[in-house]
């Protein structure tokens, strides 16, 4: 790839997740112009591979959407599922490469929620919860038409709420974050696969294979997805009980599986939310922006932050 000089208003976006880091050149309209990615679930030094890729761009601003927890005040990230990055100084390292251009950091699921609210399934919604179901479970909030970050940037990190759920007679599972019984230990793709394997399923090693078995009426695959989607319904209902939000947009690779995911989830969600007494009309929609949502959200937030810093809004 040749070095790319950008017009004013273009953005370099990073989407840092548990299995990959996507890097994209974004247009002023937040469309992906050029996209690259490297794996993040590796034992080698991720930055050694990432830095040379980044150096081939000449951005006017940068947006970073990262798995959490993050620290927006100090510009560091500590993604639970990337153990080699603890208090990783991503913003400082980017300044070393690009100089002091505007850099905006937000949670990856907050980025997805913002993107879906402005350009995707949630257009026109004043308040909404964005949910990502993939290698991990994450959430992001839009309140009053703006992304809500909390004080450190980790609002709606509900994948690590302990939900008191169980796999039948199996013992409680300790999460990678250190807690026991987190939503992620039940509802993320790899955990549904793990549960199916414990029950004797051996048709593959990832959620794509598990979903395919479920489509062919494999009883163990269907049960594993039923357990995971039930846990997800519990977790989302807990968030709505606190926020009183009535629109939810769900994305992430697991949600792309279609009816084998959506049918059991919606069945469980209807039951779980009914206990609240005020969640009678919650609209749940599939995300539209799919795998680029984090990049789009990072670009949107970077442009928004740049405008505020420049005094243009």
C-alpha atoms as a PDB file:
ATOM      1  CA  UNK A   1       0.000   0.000   0.000  1.00  0.00           C
ATOM      2  CA  UNK A   2       1.310   3.465  -0.852  1.00  0.00           C
ATOM      3  CA  UNK A   3       1.272   6.343   1.603  1.00  0.00           C
ATOM      4  CA  UNK A   4      -2.106   8.071   1.529  1.00  0.00           C
ATOM      5  CA  UNK A   5      -2.429  11.845   1.908  1.00  0.00           C
ATOM      6  CA  UNK A   6      -5.897  12.853   3.027  1.00  0.00           C
ATOM      7  CA  UNK A   7      -8.128  15.764   2.227  1.00  0.00           C
ATOM      8  CA  UNK A   8      -9.361  17.944   5.089  1.00  0.00           C
ATOM      9  CA  UNK A   9     -12.134  16.132   6.963  1.00  0.00           C
ATOM     10  CA  UNK A  10     -10.977  12.569   6.286  1.00  0.00           C
ATOM     11  CA  UNK A  11     -10.239  10.252   9.211  1.00  0.00           C
ATOM     12  CA  UNK A  12      -8.128   7.252  10.104  1.00  0.00           C
ATOM     13  CA  UNK A  13     -10.339   4.873  12.098  1.00  0.00           C
ATOM     14  CA  UNK A  14      -9.253   1.951  14.291  1.00  0.00           C
ATOM     15  CA  UNK A  15     -11.612  -0.718  15.612  1.00  0.00           C
ATOM     16  CA  UNK A  16      -9.826  -2.787  18.272  1.00  0.00           C
ATOM     17  CA  UNK A  17     -11.518  -6.074  19.121  1.00  0.00           C
ATOM     18  CA  UNK A  18     -10.778  -9.406  20.738  1.00  0.00           C
ATOM     19  CA  UNK A  19      -9.889 -11.223  17.521  1.00  0.00           C
ATOM     20  CA  UNK A  20      -8.840  -8.481  15.119  1.00  0.00           C
ATOM     21  CA  UNK A  21      -7.931  -4.824  14.742  1.00  0.00           C
ATOM     22  CA  UNK A  22      -9.465  -3.133  11.720  1.00  0.00           C
ATOM     23  CA  UNK A  23      -7.864   0.009  10.299  1.00  0.00           C
ATOM     24  CA  UNK A  24      -9.630   2.095   7.687  1.00  0.00           C
ATOM     25  CA  UNK A  25      -9.362   5.327   5.788  1.00  0.00           C
ATOM     26  CA  UNK A  26     -12.748   7.023   6.113  1.00  0.00           C
ATOM     27  CA  UNK A  27     -14.296   9.668   3.883  1.00  0.00           C
ATOM     28  CA  UNK A  28     -15.770  12.889   5.316  1.00  0.00           C
ATOM     29  CA  UNK A  29     -19.151  11.140   4.945  1.00  0.00           C
ATOM     30  CA  UNK A  30     -17.839   8.268   7.145  1.00  0.00           C
ATOM     31  CA  UNK A  31     -17.683   5.695   4.362  1.00  0.00           C
ATOM     32  CA  UNK A  32     -14.847   3.165   4.259  1.00  0.00           C
ATOM     33  CA  UNK A  33     -12.380   4.067   1.490  1.00  0.00           C
ATOM     34  CA  UNK A  34      -9.701   1.506   2.278  1.00  0.00           C
ATOM     35  CA  UNK A  35      -9.713  -1.191   4.951  1.00  0.00           C
ATOM     36  CA  UNK A  36      -7.036  -3.451   6.467  1.00  0.00           C
ATOM     37  CA  UNK A  37      -6.918  -5.700   9.503  1.00  0.00           C
ATOM     38  CA  UNK A  38      -4.503  -7.687  11.630  1.00  0.00           C
ATOM     39  CA  UNK A  39      -5.235 -10.358  14.259  1.00  0.00           C
ATOM     40  CA  UNK A  40      -5.286  -9.359  17.918  1.00  0.00           C
ATOM     41  CA  UNK A  41      -5.651 -12.841  19.447  1.00  0.00           C
ATOM     42  CA  UNK A  42      -1.935 -13.581  19.095  1.00  0.00           C
ATOM     43  CA  UNK A  43       0.971 -14.066  21.478  1.00  0.00           C
ATOM     44  CA  UNK A  44       3.352 -11.927  19.410  1.00  0.00           C
ATOM     45  CA  UNK A  45       3.644  -8.155  19.886  1.00  0.00           C
ATOM     46  CA  UNK A  46       0.572  -6.673  18.203  1.00  0.00           C
ATOM     47  CA  UNK A  47       2.055  -3.183  18.014  1.00  0.00           C
ATOM     48  CA  UNK A  48       5.004  -4.443  15.970  1.00  0.00           C
ATOM     49  CA  UNK A  49       2.557  -5.375  13.214  1.00  0.00           C
ATOM     50  CA  UNK A  50       0.137  -2.487  13.704  1.00  0.00           C
ATOM     51  CA  UNK A  51       2.559   0.450  13.750  1.00  0.00           C
ATOM     52  CA  UNK A  52       3.979  -0.077  10.214  1.00  0.00           C
ATOM     53  CA  UNK A  53       0.455  -0.326   8.835  1.00  0.00           C
ATOM     54  CA  UNK A  54      -0.564   2.943  10.492  1.00  0.00           C
ATOM     55  CA  UNK A  55       2.547   4.765   9.306  1.00  0.00           C
ATOM     56  CA  UNK A  56       1.396   4.425   5.708  1.00  0.00           C
ATOM     57  CA  UNK A  57      -1.404   6.950   6.312  1.00  0.00           C
ATOM     58  CA  UNK A  58      -1.326  10.732   6.721  1.00  0.00           C
ATOM     59  CA  UNK A  59      -4.607  11.480   8.518  1.00  0.00           C
ATOM     60  CA  UNK A  60      -5.985  14.810   9.645  1.00  0.00           C
ATOM     61  CA  UNK A  61      -7.695  13.154  12.633  1.00  0.00           C
ATOM     62  CA  UNK A  62      -7.925   9.700  14.231  1.00  0.00           C
ATOM     63  CA  UNK A  63     -10.813   7.863  15.828  1.00  0.00           C
ATOM     64  CA  UNK A  64     -10.203   4.797  18.019  1.00  0.00           C
ATOM     65  CA  UNK A  65     -12.991   2.395  18.965  1.00  0.00           C
ATOM     66  CA  UNK A  66     -11.606  -0.101  21.462  1.00  0.00           C
ATOM     67  CA  UNK A  67     -12.844  -3.034  23.470  1.00  0.00           C
ATOM     68  CA  UNK A  68     -12.841  -2.151  27.142  1.00  0.00           C
ATOM     69  CA  UNK A  69     -12.081  -1.234  29.676  1.00  0.00           C
ATOM     70  CA  UNK A  70     -10.616   2.000  28.397  1.00  0.00           C
ATOM     71  CA  UNK A  71      -9.477   5.225  30.067  1.00  0.00           C
ATOM     72  CA  UNK A  72     -10.419   8.234  27.978  1.00  0.00           C
ATOM     73  CA  UNK A  73      -8.684  10.664  30.332  1.00  0.00           C
ATOM     74  CA  UNK A  74      -5.279   8.972  30.055  1.00  0.00           C
ATOM     75  CA  UNK A  75      -5.669   7.615  26.535  1.00  0.00           C
ATOM     76  CA  UNK A  76      -5.071   4.006  27.534  1.00  0.00           C
ATOM     77  CA  UNK A  77      -6.874   0.745  26.812  1.00  0.00           C
ATOM     78  CA  UNK A  78      -6.974  -2.624  28.627  1.00  0.00           C
ATOM     79  CA  UNK A  79      -9.194  -4.920  26.537  1.00  0.00           C
ATOM     80  CA  UNK A  80     -10.192  -7.932  28.642  1.00  0.00           C
ATOM     81  CA  UNK A  81      -9.598 -10.352  25.785  1.00  0.00           C
ATOM     82  CA  UNK A  82      -6.233  -8.871  24.725  1.00  0.00           C
ATOM     83  CA  UNK A  83      -4.113  -9.769  27.774  1.00  0.00           C
ATOM     84  CA  UNK A  84      -0.885  -8.265  26.383  1.00  0.00           C
ATOM     85  CA  UNK A  85      -2.468  -4.787  26.368  1.00  0.00           C
ATOM     86  CA  UNK A  86      -2.963  -3.621  29.929  1.00  0.00           C
ATOM     87  CA  UNK A  87      -3.020   0.168  30.393  1.00  0.00           C
ATOM     88  CA  UNK A  88      -1.710   0.263  26.842  1.00  0.00           C
ATOM     89  CA  UNK A  89      -0.885   3.895  25.884  1.00  0.00           C
ATOM     90  CA  UNK A  90      -2.526   3.826  22.460  1.00  0.00           C
ATOM     91  CA  UNK A  91      -3.049   7.595  22.206  1.00  0.00           C
ATOM     92  CA  UNK A  92       0.536   8.456  23.209  1.00  0.00           C
ATOM     93  CA  UNK A  93       1.902   5.948  20.693  1.00  0.00           C
ATOM     94  CA  UNK A  94      -0.256   7.427  17.935  1.00  0.00           C
ATOM     95  CA  UNK A  95       1.018  10.915  18.810  1.00  0.00           C
ATOM     96  CA  UNK A  96       4.568   9.587  18.371  1.00  0.00           C
ATOM     97  CA  UNK A  97       3.677   8.506  14.833  1.00  0.00           C
ATOM     98  CA  UNK A  98       1.415  11.360  13.688  1.00  0.00           C
ATOM     99  CA  UNK A  99       2.234  14.321  15.901  1.00  0.00           C
ATOM    100  CA  UNK A 100      -0.456  16.068  17.907  1.00  0.00           C
ATOM    101  CA  UNK A 101      -3.369  15.751  15.512  1.00  0.00           C
ATOM    102  CA  UNK A 102      -6.869  15.321  17.025  1.00  0.00           C
ATOM    103  CA  UNK A 103      -7.356  11.810  18.429  1.00  0.00           C
ATOM    104  CA  UNK A 104     -10.690  10.619  19.830  1.00  0.00           C
ATOM    105  CA  UNK A 105     -10.999   7.442  21.918  1.00  0.00           C
ATOM    106  CA  UNK A 106     -14.266   5.683  22.761  1.00  0.00           C
ATOM    107  CA  UNK A 107     -15.508   2.205  23.595  1.00  0.00           C
ATOM    108  CA  UNK A 108     -16.011  -0.077  20.621  1.00  0.00           C
ATOM    109  CA  UNK A 109     -19.640  -0.790  21.451  1.00  0.00           C
ATOM    110  CA  UNK A 110     -20.323   2.886  22.100  1.00  0.00           C
ATOM    111  CA  UNK A 111     -18.946   3.445  18.599  1.00  0.00           C
ATOM    112  CA  UNK A 112     -21.302   0.818  17.188  1.00  0.00           C
ATOM    113  CA  UNK A 113     -24.259   2.377  18.988  1.00  0.00           C
ATOM    114  CA  UNK A 114     -23.353   5.843  17.679  1.00  0.00           C
ATOM    115  CA  UNK A 115     -22.925   4.566  14.127  1.00  0.00           C
ATOM    116  CA  UNK A 116     -26.218   2.698  14.120  1.00  0.00           C
ATOM    117  CA  UNK A 117     -27.990   5.686  15.655  1.00  0.00           C
ATOM    118  CA  UNK A 118     -26.733   8.152  13.052  1.00  0.00           C
ATOM    119  CA  UNK A 119     -26.406   6.023   9.912  1.00  0.00           C
ATOM    120  CA  UNK A 120     -27.895   2.595  10.591  1.00  0.00           C
ATOM    121  CA  UNK A 121     -30.893   0.828  12.108  1.00  0.00           C
ATOM    122  CA  UNK A 122     -31.420   3.378  14.892  1.00  0.00           C
ATOM    123  CA  UNK A 123     -31.732   6.546  12.792  1.00  0.00           C
ATOM    124  CA  UNK A 124     -34.121   8.988  14.439  1.00  0.00           C
ATOM    125  CA  UNK A 125     -33.963   7.396  17.890  1.00  0.00           C
ATOM    126  CA  UNK A 126     -33.293   9.825  20.701  1.00  0.00           C
ATOM    127  CA  UNK A 127     -32.324   7.040  23.118  1.00  0.00           C
ATOM    128  CA  UNK A 128     -31.105   3.546  22.245  1.00  0.00           C
ATOM    129  CA  UNK A 129     -28.976   0.662  23.421  1.00  0.00           C
ATOM    130  CA  UNK A 130     -26.520  -0.813  20.942  1.00  0.00           C
ATOM    131  CA  UNK A 131     -25.424  -4.398  21.593  1.00  0.00           C
ATOM    132  CA  UNK A 132     -22.553  -6.382  20.071  1.00  0.00           C
ATOM    133  CA  UNK A 133     -22.630 -10.185  20.293  1.00  0.00           C
ATOM    134  CA  UNK A 134     -19.410 -11.651  18.971  1.00  0.00           C
ATOM    135  CA  UNK A 135     -16.184 -12.939  20.561  1.00  0.00           C
ATOM    136  CA  UNK A 136     -17.318 -10.821  23.497  1.00  0.00           C
ATOM    137  CA  UNK A 137     -20.521  -9.109  24.605  1.00  0.00           C
ATOM    138  CA  UNK A 138     -20.693  -5.328  24.713  1.00  0.00           C
ATOM    139  CA  UNK A 139     -23.115  -2.464  24.883  1.00  0.00           C
ATOM    140  CA  UNK A 140     -23.199   1.211  24.035  1.00  0.00           C
ATOM    141  CA  UNK A 141     -25.690   3.919  24.894  1.00  0.00           C
ATOM    142  CA  UNK A 142     -27.019   6.876  22.947  1.00  0.00           C
ATOM    143  CA  UNK A 143     -28.885   9.264  25.231  1.00  0.00           C
ATOM    144  CA  UNK A 144     -30.516  12.436  23.975  1.00  0.00           C
ATOM    145  CA  UNK A 145     -29.055  11.787  20.529  1.00  0.00           C
ATOM    146  CA  UNK A 146     -25.449  11.693  21.784  1.00  0.00           C
ATOM    147  CA  UNK A 147     -23.102   8.860  22.668  1.00  0.00           C
ATOM    148  CA  UNK A 148     -22.958   8.388  26.434  1.00  0.00           C
ATOM    149  CA  UNK A 149     -19.484   7.451  27.648  1.00  0.00           C
ATOM    150  CA  UNK A 150     -19.622   7.664  31.429  1.00  0.00           C
ATOM    151  CA  UNK A 151     -16.699   9.144  33.354  1.00  0.00           C
ATOM    152  CA  UNK A 152     -13.973   6.786  32.104  1.00  0.00           C
ATOM    153  CA  UNK A 153     -15.472   5.741  28.759  1.00  0.00           C
ATOM    154  CA  UNK A 154     -16.914   2.419  29.922  1.00  0.00           C
ATOM    155  CA  UNK A 155     -20.649   3.069  30.186  1.00  0.00           C
ATOM    156  CA  UNK A 156     -22.862   0.073  29.291  1.00  0.00           C
ATOM    157  CA  UNK A 157     -20.038  -2.468  29.576  1.00  0.00           C
ATOM    158  CA  UNK A 158     -22.730  -4.973  30.476  1.00  0.00           C
ATOM    159  CA  UNK A 159     -20.938  -8.036  29.136  1.00  0.00           C
ATOM    160  CA  UNK A 160     -19.267  -8.161  32.542  1.00  0.00           C
ATOM    161  CA  UNK A 161     -22.423  -7.899  34.610  1.00  0.00           C
ATOM    162  CA  UNK A 162     -22.720 -11.020  36.718  1.00  0.00           C
ATOM    163  CA  UNK A 163     -26.196 -12.317  35.927  1.00  0.00           C
ATOM    164  CA  UNK A 164     -26.562 -15.274  38.286  1.00  0.00           C
ATOM    165  CA  UNK A 165     -27.282 -17.592  35.397  1.00  0.00           C
ATOM    166  CA  UNK A 166     -26.182 -21.235  35.113  1.00  0.00           C
ATOM    167  CA  UNK A 167     -25.676 -24.078  32.653  1.00  0.00           C
ATOM    168  CA  UNK A 168     -27.926 -26.610  34.347  1.00  0.00           C
ATOM    169  CA  UNK A 169     -25.803 -28.631  36.764  1.00  0.00           C
ATOM    170  CA  UNK A 170     -22.469 -27.278  35.559  1.00  0.00           C
ATOM    171  CA  UNK A 171     -20.472 -25.157  38.025  1.00  0.00           C
ATOM    172  CA  UNK A 172     -20.371 -21.374  37.702  1.00  0.00           C
ATOM    173  CA  UNK A 173     -17.787 -20.171  35.179  1.00  0.00           C
ATOM    174  CA  UNK A 174     -15.065 -17.656  35.988  1.00  0.00           C
ATOM    175  CA  UNK A 175     -14.817 -14.886  33.364  1.00  0.00           C
ATOM    176  CA  UNK A 176     -11.571 -13.625  31.841  1.00  0.00           C
ATOM    177  CA  UNK A 177     -12.167 -10.383  33.744  1.00  0.00           C
ATOM    178  CA  UNK A 178     -11.941 -12.255  37.074  1.00  0.00           C
ATOM    179  CA  UNK A 179     -15.608 -12.253  38.090  1.00  0.00           C
ATOM    180  CA  UNK A 180     -17.816 -15.314  38.223  1.00  0.00           C
ATOM    181  CA  UNK A 181     -21.028 -15.578  36.235  1.00  0.00           C
ATOM    182  CA  UNK A 182     -20.528 -12.692  33.793  1.00  0.00           C
ATOM    183  CA  UNK A 183     -22.903 -12.503  30.841  1.00  0.00           C
ATOM    184  CA  UNK A 184     -19.898 -13.100  28.562  1.00  0.00           C
ATOM    185  CA  UNK A 185     -19.359 -16.544  30.102  1.00  0.00           C
ATOM    186  CA  UNK A 186     -22.697 -17.647  28.638  1.00  0.00           C
ATOM    187  CA  UNK A 187     -23.678 -15.551  25.628  1.00  0.00           C
ATOM    188  CA  UNK A 188     -20.554 -14.835  23.582  1.00  0.00           C
ATOM    189  CA  UNK A 189     -19.955 -17.018  20.552  1.00  0.00           C
ATOM    190  CA  UNK A 190     -16.943 -19.022  21.831  1.00  0.00           C
ATOM    191  CA  UNK A 191     -18.751 -19.860  25.086  1.00  0.00           C
ATOM    192  CA  UNK A 192     -21.784 -21.233  23.239  1.00  0.00           C
ATOM    193  CA  UNK A 193     -19.368 -23.406  21.251  1.00  0.00           C
ATOM    194  CA  UNK A 194     -17.654 -24.494  24.473  1.00  0.00           C
ATOM    195  CA  UNK A 195     -20.989 -25.442  26.032  1.00  0.00           C
ATOM    196  CA  UNK A 196     -21.960 -27.466  22.944  1.00  0.00           C
ATOM    197  CA  UNK A 197     -18.636 -29.344  23.038  1.00  0.00           C
ATOM    198  CA  UNK A 198     -19.196 -30.212  26.697  1.00  0.00           C
ATOM    199  CA  UNK A 199     -22.462 -31.791  25.588  1.00  0.00           C
ATOM    200  CA  UNK A 200     -20.793 -33.832  22.857  1.00  0.00           C
ATOM    201  CA  UNK A 201     -21.036 -31.618  19.766  1.00  0.00           C
ATOM    202  CA  UNK A 202     -17.974 -32.046  17.532  1.00  0.00           C
ATOM    203  CA  UNK A 203     -18.894 -30.548  14.165  1.00  0.00           C
ATOM    204  CA  UNK A 204     -16.486 -27.607  14.308  1.00  0.00           C
ATOM    205  CA  UNK A 205     -14.655 -25.080  16.440  1.00  0.00           C
ATOM    206  CA  UNK A 206     -16.471 -21.791  15.957  1.00  0.00           C
ATOM    207  CA  UNK A 207     -19.918 -20.241  16.122  1.00  0.00           C
ATOM    208  CA  UNK A 208     -20.332 -20.340  12.337  1.00  0.00           C
ATOM    209  CA  UNK A 209     -20.142 -24.142  12.489  1.00  0.00           C
ATOM    210  CA  UNK A 210     -22.415 -24.243  15.553  1.00  0.00           C
ATOM    211  CA  UNK A 211     -25.054 -22.117  13.824  1.00  0.00           C
ATOM    212  CA  UNK A 212     -24.857 -24.310  10.729  1.00  0.00           C
ATOM    213  CA  UNK A 213     -25.487 -27.401  12.882  1.00  0.00           C
ATOM    214  CA  UNK A 214     -28.445 -25.646  14.482  1.00  0.00           C
ATOM    215  CA  UNK A 215     -29.903 -24.963  11.035  1.00  0.00           C
ATOM    216  CA  UNK A 216     -29.734 -28.721  10.448  1.00  0.00           C
ATOM    217  CA  UNK A 217     -31.674 -29.308  13.686  1.00  0.00           C
ATOM    218  CA  UNK A 218     -28.759 -30.614  15.743  1.00  0.00           C
ATOM    219  CA  UNK A 219     -30.299 -30.750  19.221  1.00  0.00           C
ATOM    220  CA  UNK A 220     -27.064 -29.949  21.082  1.00  0.00           C
ATOM    221  CA  UNK A 221     -26.326 -26.925  18.861  1.00  0.00           C
ATOM    222  CA  UNK A 222     -29.888 -25.686  19.271  1.00  0.00           C
ATOM    223  CA  UNK A 223     -29.639 -26.079  23.049  1.00  0.00           C
ATOM    224  CA  UNK A 224     -26.303 -24.236  23.238  1.00  0.00           C
ATOM    225  CA  UNK A 225     -27.686 -21.276  21.296  1.00  0.00           C
ATOM    226  CA  UNK A 226     -30.866 -21.354  23.376  1.00  0.00           C
ATOM    227  CA  UNK A 227     -28.847 -21.103  26.585  1.00  0.00           C
ATOM    228  CA  UNK A 228     -26.689 -18.283  25.207  1.00  0.00           C
ATOM    229  CA  UNK A 229     -29.601 -16.245  23.865  1.00  0.00           C
ATOM    230  CA  UNK A 230     -31.518 -16.707  27.104  1.00  0.00           C
ATOM    231  CA  UNK A 231     -28.564 -15.290  29.034  1.00  0.00           C
ATOM    232  CA  UNK A 232     -28.355 -12.407  26.560  1.00  0.00           C
ATOM    233  CA  UNK A 233     -32.055 -11.662  27.031  1.00  0.00           C
ATOM    234  CA  UNK A 234     -31.508 -11.517  30.794  1.00  0.00           C
ATOM    235  CA  UNK A 235     -28.528  -9.177  30.416  1.00  0.00           C
ATOM    236  CA  UNK A 236     -30.248  -6.784  28.010  1.00  0.00           C
ATOM    237  CA  UNK A 237     -33.374  -6.678  30.167  1.00  0.00           C
ATOM    238  CA  UNK A 238     -31.218  -5.732  33.164  1.00  0.00           C
ATOM    239  CA  UNK A 239     -29.799  -2.759  31.230  1.00  0.00           C
ATOM    240  CA  UNK A 240     -33.281  -1.647  30.135  1.00  0.00           C
ATOM    241  CA  UNK A 241     -34.542  -1.935  33.706  1.00  0.00           C
ATOM    242  CA  UNK A 242     -31.931   0.673  34.686  1.00  0.00           C
ATOM    243  CA  UNK A 243     -32.125   2.987  31.666  1.00  0.00           C
ATOM    244  CA  UNK A 244     -35.821   2.714  30.670  1.00  0.00           C
ATOM    245  CA  UNK A 245     -34.772   2.647  26.998  1.00  0.00           C
ATOM    246  CA  UNK A 246     -37.181   1.182  24.461  1.00  0.00           C
ATOM    247  CA  UNK A 247     -35.022   0.678  21.372  1.00  0.00           C
ATOM    248  CA  UNK A 248     -32.259  -1.910  21.034  1.00  0.00           C
ATOM    249  CA  UNK A 249     -30.036  -2.514  17.997  1.00  0.00           C
ATOM    250  CA  UNK A 250     -28.072  -5.778  18.006  1.00  0.00           C
ATOM    251  CA  UNK A 251     -25.023  -6.451  15.847  1.00  0.00           C
ATOM    252  CA  UNK A 252     -21.843  -8.484  15.933  1.00  0.00           C
ATOM    253  CA  UNK A 253     -20.906 -11.708  14.170  1.00  0.00           C
ATOM    254  CA  UNK A 254     -23.117 -13.983  16.272  1.00  0.00           C
ATOM    255  CA  UNK A 255     -26.209 -11.921  15.452  1.00  0.00           C
ATOM    256  CA  UNK A 256     -25.515 -12.372  11.734  1.00  0.00           C
ATOM    257  CA  UNK A 257     -26.434 -16.075  12.069  1.00  0.00           C
ATOM    258  CA  UNK A 258     -30.052 -15.272  11.273  1.00  0.00           C
ATOM    259  CA  UNK A 259     -33.099 -17.119  12.594  1.00  0.00           C
ATOM    260  CA  UNK A 260     -31.141 -19.654  14.648  1.00  0.00           C
ATOM    261  CA  UNK A 261     -30.018 -16.713  16.797  1.00  0.00           C
ATOM    262  CA  UNK A 262     -32.962 -14.337  16.554  1.00  0.00           C
ATOM    263  CA  UNK A 263     -35.815 -16.795  17.105  1.00  0.00           C
ATOM    264  CA  UNK A 264     -34.680 -18.053  20.544  1.00  0.00           C
ATOM    265  CA  UNK A 265     -33.415 -14.636  21.608  1.00  0.00           C
ATOM    266  CA  UNK A 266     -36.716 -12.880  20.888  1.00  0.00           C
ATOM    267  CA  UNK A 267     -38.645 -15.683  22.605  1.00  0.00           C
ATOM    268  CA  UNK A 268     -36.598 -15.288  25.784  1.00  0.00           C
ATOM    269  CA  UNK A 269     -36.531 -11.489  25.594  1.00  0.00           C
ATOM    270  CA  UNK A 270     -40.330 -11.247  25.432  1.00  0.00           C
ATOM    271  CA  UNK A 271     -40.540 -13.248  28.637  1.00  0.00           C
ATOM    272  CA  UNK A 272     -37.704 -11.533  30.491  1.00  0.00           C
ATOM    273  CA  UNK A 273     -38.799  -7.965  29.738  1.00  0.00           C
ATOM    274  CA  UNK A 274     -42.400  -8.727  30.689  1.00  0.00           C
ATOM    275  CA  UNK A 275     -41.455  -8.860  34.366  1.00  0.00           C
ATOM    276  CA  UNK A 276     -40.466  -5.171  34.388  1.00  0.00           C
ATOM    277  CA  UNK A 277     -44.002  -3.899  33.911  1.00  0.00           C
ATOM    278  CA  UNK A 278     -42.887  -0.906  31.817  1.00  0.00           C
ATOM    279  CA  UNK A 279     -41.014  -2.515  28.912  1.00  0.00           C
ATOM    280  CA  UNK A 280     -44.083  -3.494  26.930  1.00  0.00           C
ATOM    281  CA  UNK A 281     -43.092  -1.917  23.625  1.00  0.00           C
ATOM    282  CA  UNK A 282     -39.358  -2.397  23.130  1.00  0.00           C
ATOM    283  CA  UNK A 283     -38.242  -2.328  19.501  1.00  0.00           C
ATOM    284  CA  UNK A 284     -35.357  -4.707  18.791  1.00  0.00           C
ATOM    285  CA  UNK A 285     -33.640  -4.366  15.423  1.00  0.00           C
ATOM    286  CA  UNK A 286     -30.693  -6.055  13.694  1.00  0.00           C
ATOM    287  CA  UNK A 287     -27.751  -3.740  13.017  1.00  0.00           C
ATOM    288  CA  UNK A 288     -27.402  -2.511   9.442  1.00  0.00           C
ATOM    289  CA  UNK A 289     -23.723  -1.514   9.311  1.00  0.00           C
ATOM    290  CA  UNK A 290     -22.444  -4.977  10.240  1.00  0.00           C
ATOM    291  CA  UNK A 291     -18.648  -5.376  10.497  1.00  0.00           C
ATOM    292  CA  UNK A 292     -17.870  -1.730   9.653  1.00  0.00           C
ATOM    293  CA  UNK A 293     -20.016  -0.232  12.417  1.00  0.00           C
ATOM    294  CA  UNK A 294     -17.096   0.280  14.830  1.00  0.00           C
ATOM    295  CA  UNK A 295     -15.064   2.052  12.177  1.00  0.00           C
ATOM    296  CA  UNK A 296     -17.989   4.284  11.236  1.00  0.00           C
ATOM    297  CA  UNK A 297     -18.623   5.145  14.882  1.00  0.00           C
ATOM    298  CA  UNK A 298     -14.950   5.966  15.457  1.00  0.00           C
ATOM    299  CA  UNK A 299     -15.026   8.249  12.415  1.00  0.00           C
ATOM    300  CA  UNK A 300     -18.226   9.966  13.550  1.00  0.00           C
ATOM    301  CA  UNK A 301     -16.883  10.573  17.051  1.00  0.00           C
ATOM    302  CA  UNK A 302     -13.521  11.815  15.778  1.00  0.00           C
ATOM    303  CA  UNK A 303     -15.230  14.353  13.517  1.00  0.00           C
ATOM    304  CA  UNK A 304     -17.580  15.420  16.303  1.00  0.00           C
ATOM    305  CA  UNK A 305     -14.715  15.821  18.798  1.00  0.00           C
ATOM    306  CA  UNK A 306     -12.610  17.721  16.267  1.00  0.00           C
ATOM    307  CA  UNK A 307     -15.456  20.156  15.640  1.00  0.00           C
ATOM    308  CA  UNK A 308     -15.964  20.743  19.350  1.00  0.00           C
ATOM    309  CA  UNK A 309     -12.238  21.300  19.919  1.00  0.00           C
ATOM    310  CA  UNK A 310     -12.184  23.717  17.002  1.00  0.00           C
ATOM    311  CA  UNK A 311     -15.163  25.634  18.356  1.00  0.00           C
ATOM    312  CA  UNK A 312     -17.285  24.879  15.283  1.00  0.00           C
ATOM    313  CA  UNK A 313     -20.282  23.472  17.167  1.00  0.00           C
END
